[in-house]
Amino acid sequence: MARTYRMSAEKYEELKAELSYLKSQRVDEVSQQLKEARAFGDLSENSEYDEARNEQGKLYSRMSELEIILANYEIVSEDEHTADTVAIGSTVTVDYGDGDIETFKIVGSVEADPMNGRLSDESLIGKALMGRRMGDEISYHAPMGLITCRITNIE
């Protein structure tokens, strides 16, 4: 069974647009780079050709990844969650009990951006938070050991 990628409608449209761009414009750009690199002669010692081939590999890999995601997606509406339990779309504040308080938004794995406070529902803390309520104490295993925190707010 294929994995389901949960995301917002906005992210779905963004990924569709990226795939369209890659197929319609970027493929032609990389093909042109390869053509120009071949013109430099001997391919065995042609760094421009090697670089263009690497770029082509990355391009086709990304296109394949996007096609898999877009073939197995589930749109999650932020309006569907309620403020009493943690779900995708929830903004959660947790207190670690040592004065450290963090607030982050729970999103699908495709939209995760931990540096900007957007944590995946598949992350260690995301899994521990899903379905929990305000006031619940949760524990999860992280690389630095067992971490415990309390949910102080859900929006």
N, C-alpha and C. Protein backbone atom coordinates (compact mmCIF):
# COMPACT_ATOMS: atom_id res chain seq x y z
N MET A 1 0.84 -1.18 0.00
CA MET A 1 0.00 0.00 0.00
C MET A 1 0.89 1.25 0.00
N ALA A 2 0.55 2.19 -0.81
CA ALA A 2 1.34 3.43 -0.94
C ALA A 2 1.11 4.32 0.28
N ARG A 3 2.14 5.05 0.62
CA ARG A 3 2.06 6.01 1.71
C ARG A 3 1.18 7.17 1.28
N THR A 4 0.38 7.71 2.20
CA THR A 4 -0.45 8.87 1.92
C THR A 4 0.25 10.11 2.45
N TYR A 5 0.34 11.13 1.61
CA TYR A 5 0.97 12.39 1.98
C TYR A 5 -0.13 13.39 2.31
N ARG A 6 -0.20 13.78 3.59
CA ARG A 6 -1.23 14.70 4.05
C ARG A 6 -0.71 16.12 3.93
N MET A 7 -1.52 17.00 3.34
CA MET A 7 -1.09 18.38 3.13
C MET A 7 -2.30 19.30 2.96
N SER A 8 -2.02 20.58 3.04
CA SER A 8 -3.07 21.58 2.83
C SER A 8 -3.33 21.72 1.33
N ALA A 9 -4.45 22.31 1.00
CA ALA A 9 -4.79 22.53 -0.41
C ALA A 9 -3.77 23.47 -1.05
N GLU A 10 -3.27 24.43 -0.27
CA GLU A 10 -2.27 25.37 -0.79
C GLU A 10 -0.98 24.65 -1.17
N LYS A 11 -0.54 23.74 -0.30
CA LYS A 11 0.69 22.99 -0.58
C LYS A 11 0.50 22.09 -1.79
N TYR A 12 -0.68 21.49 -1.92
CA TYR A 12 -0.98 20.65 -3.08
C TYR A 12 -0.84 21.45 -4.37
N GLU A 13 -1.41 22.64 -4.39
CA GLU A 13 -1.33 23.50 -5.58
C GLU A 13 0.11 23.92 -5.85
N GLU A 14 0.86 24.19 -4.79
CA GLU A 14 2.27 24.57 -4.93
C GLU A 14 3.08 23.43 -5.56
N LEU A 15 2.84 22.21 -5.10
CA LEU A 15 3.57 21.06 -5.65
C LEU A 15 3.16 20.79 -7.10
N LYS A 16 1.87 20.95 -7.41
CA LYS A 16 1.42 20.79 -8.80
C LYS A 16 2.09 21.80 -9.71
N ALA A 17 2.18 23.04 -9.26
CA ALA A 17 2.82 24.10 -10.05
C ALA A 17 4.31 23.81 -10.23
N GLU A 18 4.96 23.33 -9.18
CA GLU A 18 6.38 22.99 -9.29
C GLU A 18 6.60 21.88 -10.30
N LEU A 19 5.78 20.84 -10.26
CA LEU A 19 5.92 19.74 -11.22
C LEU A 19 5.68 20.23 -12.64
N SER A 20 4.70 21.06 -12.81
CA SER A 20 4.41 21.61 -14.13
C SER A 20 5.60 22.41 -14.66
N TYR A 21 6.18 23.25 -13.81
CA TYR A 21 7.36 24.03 -14.20
C TYR A 21 8.53 23.11 -14.57
N LEU A 22 8.76 22.11 -13.74
CA LEU A 22 9.88 21.20 -14.01
C LEU A 22 9.70 20.49 -15.35
N LYS A 23 8.47 20.04 -15.63
CA LYS A 23 8.22 19.31 -16.87
C LYS A 23 8.22 20.22 -18.10
N SER A 24 7.71 21.43 -17.94
CA SER A 24 7.53 22.29 -19.11
C SER A 24 8.75 23.16 -19.41
N GLN A 25 9.46 23.62 -18.39
CA GLN A 25 10.57 24.54 -18.63
C GLN A 25 11.92 23.98 -18.22
N ARG A 26 12.00 23.43 -17.04
CA ARG A 26 13.30 23.02 -16.51
C ARG A 26 13.91 21.87 -17.31
N VAL A 27 13.09 20.95 -17.80
CA VAL A 27 13.60 19.85 -18.62
C VAL A 27 14.30 20.41 -19.86
N ASP A 28 13.69 21.40 -20.48
CA ASP A 28 14.29 22.01 -21.67
C ASP A 28 15.59 22.73 -21.32
N GLU A 29 15.62 23.41 -20.18
CA GLU A 29 16.83 24.12 -19.76
C GLU A 29 17.99 23.15 -19.55
N VAL A 30 17.71 22.04 -18.87
CA VAL A 30 18.76 21.05 -18.60
C VAL A 30 19.20 20.37 -19.89
N SER A 31 18.25 20.10 -20.78
CA SER A 31 18.61 19.52 -22.08
C SER A 31 19.53 20.45 -22.85
N GLN A 32 19.26 21.74 -22.78
CA GLN A 32 20.12 22.72 -23.44
C GLN A 32 21.51 22.74 -22.82
N GLN A 33 21.58 22.64 -21.50
CA GLN A 33 22.87 22.58 -20.82
C GLN A 33 23.68 21.37 -21.28
N LEU A 34 23.01 20.23 -21.40
CA LEU A 34 23.69 19.01 -21.87
C LEU A 34 24.19 19.18 -23.30
N LYS A 35 23.36 19.77 -24.13
CA LYS A 35 23.73 19.99 -25.53
C LYS A 35 24.98 20.88 -25.62
N GLU A 36 24.97 21.96 -24.84
CA GLU A 36 26.11 22.88 -24.84
C GLU A 36 27.37 22.20 -24.29
N ALA A 37 27.21 21.38 -23.26
CA ALA A 37 28.35 20.70 -22.66
C ALA A 37 28.96 19.68 -23.62
N ARG A 38 28.10 18.99 -24.39
CA ARG A 38 28.59 18.03 -25.38
C ARG A 38 29.45 18.72 -26.44
N ALA A 39 29.12 19.95 -26.73
CA ALA A 39 29.85 20.70 -27.76
C ALA A 39 31.30 20.99 -27.35
N PHE A 40 31.60 20.86 -26.05
CA PHE A 40 32.96 21.11 -25.60
C PHE A 40 33.92 19.97 -25.95
N GLY A 41 33.39 18.88 -26.47
CA GLY A 41 34.27 17.80 -26.92
C GLY A 41 34.29 16.61 -25.98
N ASP A 42 35.47 16.03 -25.81
CA ASP A 42 35.72 14.79 -25.07
C ASP A 42 34.89 14.72 -23.78
N LEU A 43 33.92 13.80 -23.73
CA LEU A 43 33.02 13.69 -22.58
C LEU A 43 33.69 13.06 -21.37
N SER A 44 34.78 12.33 -21.57
CA SER A 44 35.43 11.66 -20.44
C SER A 44 36.08 12.65 -19.48
N GLU A 45 36.45 13.82 -19.94
CA GLU A 45 37.08 14.82 -19.08
C GLU A 45 36.34 16.15 -19.15
N ASN A 46 35.05 16.08 -19.36
CA ASN A 46 34.24 17.28 -19.55
C ASN A 46 33.43 17.54 -18.28
N SER A 47 33.91 18.45 -17.43
CA SER A 47 33.23 18.72 -16.16
C SER A 47 31.87 19.36 -16.37
N GLU A 48 31.73 20.17 -17.43
CA GLU A 48 30.43 20.78 -17.71
C GLU A 48 29.39 19.71 -18.03
N TYR A 49 29.80 18.70 -18.77
CA TYR A 49 28.90 17.60 -19.12
C TYR A 49 28.51 16.82 -17.86
N ASP A 50 29.51 16.53 -17.01
CA ASP A 50 29.22 15.81 -15.76
C ASP A 50 28.25 16.59 -14.89
N GLU A 51 28.47 17.89 -14.81
CA GLU A 51 27.58 18.74 -14.01
C GLU A 51 26.16 18.75 -14.58
N ALA A 52 26.05 18.85 -15.88
CA ALA A 52 24.73 18.85 -16.53
C ALA A 52 24.03 17.50 -16.33
N ARG A 53 24.78 16.41 -16.38
CA ARG A 53 24.19 15.07 -16.14
C ARG A 53 23.71 14.96 -14.69
N ASN A 54 24.51 15.48 -13.77
CA ASN A 54 24.09 15.47 -12.36
C ASN A 54 22.81 16.28 -12.18
N GLU A 55 22.75 17.43 -12.81
CA GLU A 55 21.57 18.28 -12.73
C GLU A 55 20.36 17.56 -13.32
N GLN A 56 20.56 16.87 -14.41
CA GLN A 56 19.48 16.11 -15.03
C GLN A 56 18.99 15.01 -14.09
N GLY A 57 19.92 14.34 -13.42
CA GLY A 57 19.53 13.29 -12.46
C GLY A 57 18.72 13.84 -11.31
N LYS A 58 19.14 14.99 -10.77
CA LYS A 58 18.40 15.63 -9.68
C LYS A 58 17.01 16.05 -10.14
N LEU A 59 16.95 16.58 -11.35
CA LEU A 59 15.67 17.02 -11.90
C LEU A 59 14.68 15.87 -12.02
N TYR A 60 15.13 14.77 -12.64
CA TYR A 60 14.23 13.63 -12.81
C TYR A 60 13.87 12.98 -11.48
N SER A 61 14.78 13.01 -10.54
CA SER A 61 14.50 12.49 -9.21
C SER A 61 13.40 13.32 -8.53
N ARG A 62 13.52 14.64 -8.61
CA ARG A 62 12.51 15.51 -8.00
C ARG A 62 11.16 15.35 -8.69
N MET A 63 11.17 15.24 -10.01
CA MET A 63 9.91 15.05 -10.73
C MET A 63 9.25 13.74 -10.31
N SER A 64 10.02 12.69 -10.16
CA SER A 64 9.49 11.40 -9.73
C SER A 64 8.91 11.50 -8.32
N GLU A 65 9.64 12.17 -7.43
CA GLU A 65 9.18 12.35 -6.07
C GLU A 65 7.85 13.11 -6.05
N LEU A 66 7.74 14.18 -6.82
CA LEU A 66 6.50 14.96 -6.87
C LEU A 66 5.35 14.14 -7.44
N GLU A 67 5.62 13.35 -8.46
CA GLU A 67 4.57 12.51 -9.05
C GLU A 67 4.04 11.51 -8.04
N ILE A 68 4.92 10.93 -7.24
CA ILE A 68 4.49 9.97 -6.21
C ILE A 68 3.65 10.69 -5.16
N ILE A 69 4.11 11.85 -4.70
CA ILE A 69 3.37 12.61 -3.68
C ILE A 69 1.99 12.99 -4.21
N LEU A 70 1.94 13.50 -5.44
CA LEU A 70 0.66 13.97 -6.00
C LEU A 70 -0.27 12.84 -6.38
N ALA A 71 0.26 11.63 -6.49
CA ALA A 71 -0.60 10.47 -6.77
C ALA A 71 -1.15 9.86 -5.49
N ASN A 72 -0.59 10.25 -4.34
CA ASN A 72 -0.98 9.64 -3.07
C ASN A 72 -1.20 10.69 -1.98
N TYR A 73 -1.95 11.72 -2.29
CA TYR A 73 -2.13 12.81 -1.34
C TYR A 73 -3.50 12.76 -0.68
N GLU A 74 -3.58 13.46 0.44
CA GLU A 74 -4.85 13.66 1.13
C GLU A 74 -4.86 15.12 1.58
N ILE A 75 -5.87 15.85 1.15
CA ILE A 75 -5.99 17.25 1.55
C ILE A 75 -6.56 17.30 2.97
N VAL A 76 -5.87 18.03 3.82
CA VAL A 76 -6.32 18.20 5.19
C VAL A 76 -6.68 19.67 5.37
N SER A 77 -7.90 19.91 5.75
CA SER A 77 -8.36 21.29 5.97
C SER A 77 -8.12 21.67 7.42
N GLU A 78 -7.54 22.84 7.61
CA GLU A 78 -7.32 23.32 8.97
C GLU A 78 -8.63 23.57 9.69
N ASP A 79 -9.70 23.76 8.95
CA ASP A 79 -11.01 24.01 9.56
C ASP A 79 -11.59 22.74 10.18
N GLU A 80 -11.06 21.58 9.79
CA GLU A 80 -11.61 20.32 10.26
C GLU A 80 -11.24 20.00 11.71
N HIS A 81 -10.12 20.54 12.18
CA HIS A 81 -9.71 20.21 13.54
C HIS A 81 -10.43 21.11 14.54
N THR A 82 -10.59 20.57 15.73
CA THR A 82 -11.19 21.35 16.80
C THR A 82 -10.08 21.78 17.75
N ALA A 83 -10.33 22.83 18.49
CA ALA A 83 -9.30 23.38 19.37
C ALA A 83 -9.09 22.53 20.63
N ASP A 84 -9.88 21.45 20.80
CA ASP A 84 -9.70 20.67 22.02
C ASP A 84 -8.74 19.49 21.86
N THR A 85 -8.40 19.11 20.63
CA THR A 85 -7.42 18.05 20.43
C THR A 85 -6.42 18.45 19.35
N VAL A 86 -5.21 17.93 19.46
CA VAL A 86 -4.16 18.24 18.50
C VAL A 86 -4.37 17.42 17.23
N ALA A 87 -4.33 18.13 16.10
CA ALA A 87 -4.48 17.51 14.78
C ALA A 87 -3.65 18.31 13.79
N ILE A 88 -3.56 17.84 12.58
CA ILE A 88 -2.87 18.63 11.56
C ILE A 88 -3.60 19.96 11.43
N GLY A 89 -2.84 21.03 11.44
CA GLY A 89 -3.41 22.37 11.39
C GLY A 89 -3.45 23.04 12.75
N SER A 90 -3.27 22.27 13.83
CA SER A 90 -3.28 22.85 15.17
C SER A 90 -2.00 23.63 15.44
N THR A 91 -2.14 24.73 16.14
CA THR A 91 -0.99 25.44 16.67
C THR A 91 -0.94 25.09 18.15
N VAL A 92 0.17 24.50 18.56
CA VAL A 92 0.29 23.92 19.91
C VAL A 92 1.40 24.63 20.68
N THR A 93 1.10 24.93 21.95
CA THR A 93 2.12 25.47 22.84
C THR A 93 2.39 24.41 23.90
N VAL A 94 3.67 24.12 24.10
CA VAL A 94 4.06 23.14 25.12
C VAL A 94 5.04 23.77 26.09
N ASP A 95 4.96 23.30 27.33
CA ASP A 95 5.85 23.77 28.40
C ASP A 95 6.68 22.58 28.85
N TYR A 96 8.00 22.74 28.77
CA TYR A 96 8.90 21.65 29.15
C TYR A 96 9.18 21.61 30.64
N GLY A 97 8.62 22.55 31.41
CA GLY A 97 8.74 22.54 32.86
C GLY A 97 10.01 23.16 33.39
N ASP A 98 10.88 23.61 32.50
CA ASP A 98 12.14 24.23 32.94
C ASP A 98 12.21 25.68 32.48
N GLY A 99 11.04 26.24 32.19
CA GLY A 99 10.99 27.62 31.69
C GLY A 99 11.02 27.69 30.18
N ASP A 100 11.26 26.56 29.54
CA ASP A 100 11.30 26.51 28.08
C ASP A 100 9.89 26.24 27.56
N ILE A 101 9.34 27.20 26.81
CA ILE A 101 8.00 27.08 26.24
C ILE A 101 8.14 27.23 24.73
N GLU A 102 7.52 26.35 23.98
CA GLU A 102 7.58 26.41 22.52
C GLU A 102 6.17 26.36 21.93
N THR A 103 6.01 27.08 20.83
CA THR A 103 4.76 27.05 20.08
C THR A 103 5.09 26.67 18.66
N PHE A 104 4.34 25.72 18.10
CA PHE A 104 4.55 25.32 16.73
C PHE A 104 3.25 24.83 16.12
N LYS A 105 3.24 24.76 14.81
CA LYS A 105 2.08 24.30 14.06
C LYS A 105 2.34 22.87 13.60
N ILE A 106 1.35 22.01 13.73
CA ILE A 106 1.45 20.63 13.27
C ILE A 106 0.98 20.59 11.82
N VAL A 107 1.84 20.08 10.94
CA VAL A 107 1.54 20.01 9.51
C VAL A 107 1.87 18.61 8.99
N GLY A 108 1.47 18.33 7.76
CA GLY A 108 1.84 17.07 7.12
C GLY A 108 3.34 17.08 6.80
N SER A 109 3.91 15.92 6.57
CA SER A 109 5.36 15.82 6.37
C SER A 109 5.86 16.62 5.18
N VAL A 110 5.04 16.80 4.17
CA VAL A 110 5.45 17.54 2.98
C VAL A 110 5.65 19.02 3.30
N GLU A 111 4.95 19.52 4.31
CA GLU A 111 5.00 20.95 4.65
C GLU A 111 5.90 21.27 5.84
N ALA A 112 6.53 20.26 6.42
CA ALA A 112 7.34 20.46 7.62
C ALA A 112 8.49 21.44 7.36
N ASP A 113 8.70 22.32 8.32
CA ASP A 113 9.79 23.29 8.28
C ASP A 113 10.12 23.63 9.74
N PRO A 114 10.85 22.76 10.43
CA PRO A 114 11.11 22.94 11.86
C PRO A 114 11.74 24.29 12.22
N MET A 115 12.58 24.81 11.34
CA MET A 115 13.23 26.09 11.64
C MET A 115 12.23 27.24 11.70
N ASN A 116 11.05 27.04 11.10
CA ASN A 116 10.01 28.07 11.13
C ASN A 116 8.79 27.62 11.93
N GLY A 117 8.99 26.68 12.84
CA GLY A 117 7.92 26.28 13.76
C GLY A 117 6.83 25.43 13.14
N ARG A 118 7.11 24.75 12.04
CA ARG A 118 6.13 23.88 11.39
C ARG A 118 6.63 22.44 11.51
N LEU A 119 6.03 21.67 12.44
CA LEU A 119 6.48 20.30 12.72
C LEU A 119 5.56 19.28 12.08
N SER A 120 6.15 18.24 11.54
CA SER A 120 5.41 17.17 10.90
C SER A 120 4.64 16.34 11.92
N ASP A 121 3.48 15.88 11.51
CA ASP A 121 2.71 14.95 12.34
C ASP A 121 3.43 13.61 12.46
N GLU A 122 4.46 13.40 11.64
CA GLU A 122 5.23 12.16 11.68
C GLU A 122 6.52 12.30 12.47
N SER A 123 6.83 13.52 12.95
CA SER A 123 8.03 13.72 13.76
C SER A 123 7.83 13.09 15.13
N LEU A 124 8.89 12.97 15.89
CA LEU A 124 8.79 12.36 17.22
C LEU A 124 7.78 13.09 18.09
N ILE A 125 7.91 14.41 18.20
CA ILE A 125 6.97 15.16 19.03
C ILE A 125 5.60 15.22 18.38
N GLY A 126 5.56 15.31 17.05
CA GLY A 126 4.28 15.36 16.34
C GLY A 126 3.44 14.12 16.61
N LYS A 127 4.07 12.96 16.54
CA LYS A 127 3.36 11.70 16.83
C LYS A 127 2.84 11.68 18.26
N ALA A 128 3.67 12.16 19.18
CA ALA A 128 3.28 12.16 20.60
C ALA A 128 2.12 13.12 20.86
N LEU A 129 2.04 14.21 20.10
CA LEU A 129 1.01 15.22 20.32
C LEU A 129 -0.33 14.88 19.67
N MET A 130 -0.30 14.19 18.55
CA MET A 130 -1.53 13.94 17.79
C MET A 130 -2.62 13.30 18.66
N GLY A 131 -3.80 13.94 18.64
CA GLY A 131 -4.96 13.42 19.36
C GLY A 131 -5.00 13.78 20.84
N ARG A 132 -3.96 14.42 21.34
CA ARG A 132 -3.91 14.77 22.76
C ARG A 132 -4.66 16.07 23.02
N ARG A 133 -4.94 16.33 24.31
CA ARG A 133 -5.72 17.50 24.70
C ARG A 133 -4.90 18.47 25.55
N MET A 134 -5.43 19.69 25.66
CA MET A 134 -4.77 20.69 26.48
C MET A 134 -4.66 20.18 27.92
N GLY A 135 -3.50 20.38 28.51
CA GLY A 135 -3.25 19.91 29.88
C GLY A 135 -2.59 18.55 29.93
N ASP A 136 -2.65 17.79 28.82
CA ASP A 136 -2.03 16.47 28.79
C ASP A 136 -0.52 16.59 28.89
N GLU A 137 0.07 15.65 29.60
CA GLU A 137 1.52 15.57 29.64
C GLU A 137 1.93 14.47 28.68
N ILE A 138 2.90 14.78 27.84
CA ILE A 138 3.35 13.79 26.86
C ILE A 138 4.84 13.54 27.06
N SER A 139 5.26 12.36 26.65
CA SER A 139 6.67 12.00 26.66
C SER A 139 6.99 11.38 25.31
N TYR A 140 8.19 11.67 24.84
CA TYR A 140 8.63 11.07 23.58
C TYR A 140 10.14 10.89 23.63
N HIS A 141 10.61 9.89 22.93
CA HIS A 141 12.04 9.62 22.89
C HIS A 141 12.67 10.41 21.76
N ALA A 142 13.68 11.18 22.11
CA ALA A 142 14.45 11.96 21.14
C ALA A 142 15.90 11.47 21.21
N PRO A 143 16.73 11.88 20.27
CA PRO A 143 18.13 11.45 20.31
C PRO A 143 18.84 11.76 21.64
N MET A 144 18.41 12.84 22.31
CA MET A 144 19.06 13.19 23.59
C MET A 144 18.40 12.51 24.78
N GLY A 145 17.42 11.66 24.55
CA GLY A 145 16.77 10.93 25.64
C GLY A 145 15.28 11.20 25.70
N LEU A 146 14.66 10.78 26.79
CA LEU A 146 13.23 10.95 27.00
C LEU A 146 12.92 12.41 27.32
N ILE A 147 11.97 12.98 26.59
CA ILE A 147 11.57 14.37 26.80
C ILE A 147 10.10 14.38 27.21
N THR A 148 9.81 15.17 28.23
CA THR A 148 8.45 15.28 28.74
C THR A 148 8.04 16.75 28.69
N CYS A 149 6.80 16.98 28.28
CA CYS A 149 6.26 18.34 28.26
C CYS A 149 4.75 18.28 28.47
N ARG A 150 4.18 19.45 28.74
CA ARG A 150 2.73 19.58 28.95
C ARG A 150 2.15 20.51 27.90
N ILE A 151 1.01 20.13 27.36
CA ILE A 151 0.32 20.98 26.37
C ILE A 151 -0.40 22.08 27.14
N THR A 152 -0.03 23.33 26.84
CA THR A 152 -0.63 24.45 27.56
C THR A 152 -1.63 25.20 26.71
N ASN A 153 -1.60 25.03 25.38
CA ASN A 153 -2.57 25.71 24.53
C ASN A 153 -2.67 24.99 23.19
N ILE A 154 -3.89 24.96 22.66
CA ILE A 154 -4.15 24.41 21.33
C ILE A 154 -5.05 25.40 20.59
N GLU A 155 -4.63 25.80 19.42
CA GLU A 155 -5.46 26.71 18.61
C GLU A 155 -5.76 26.05 17.29
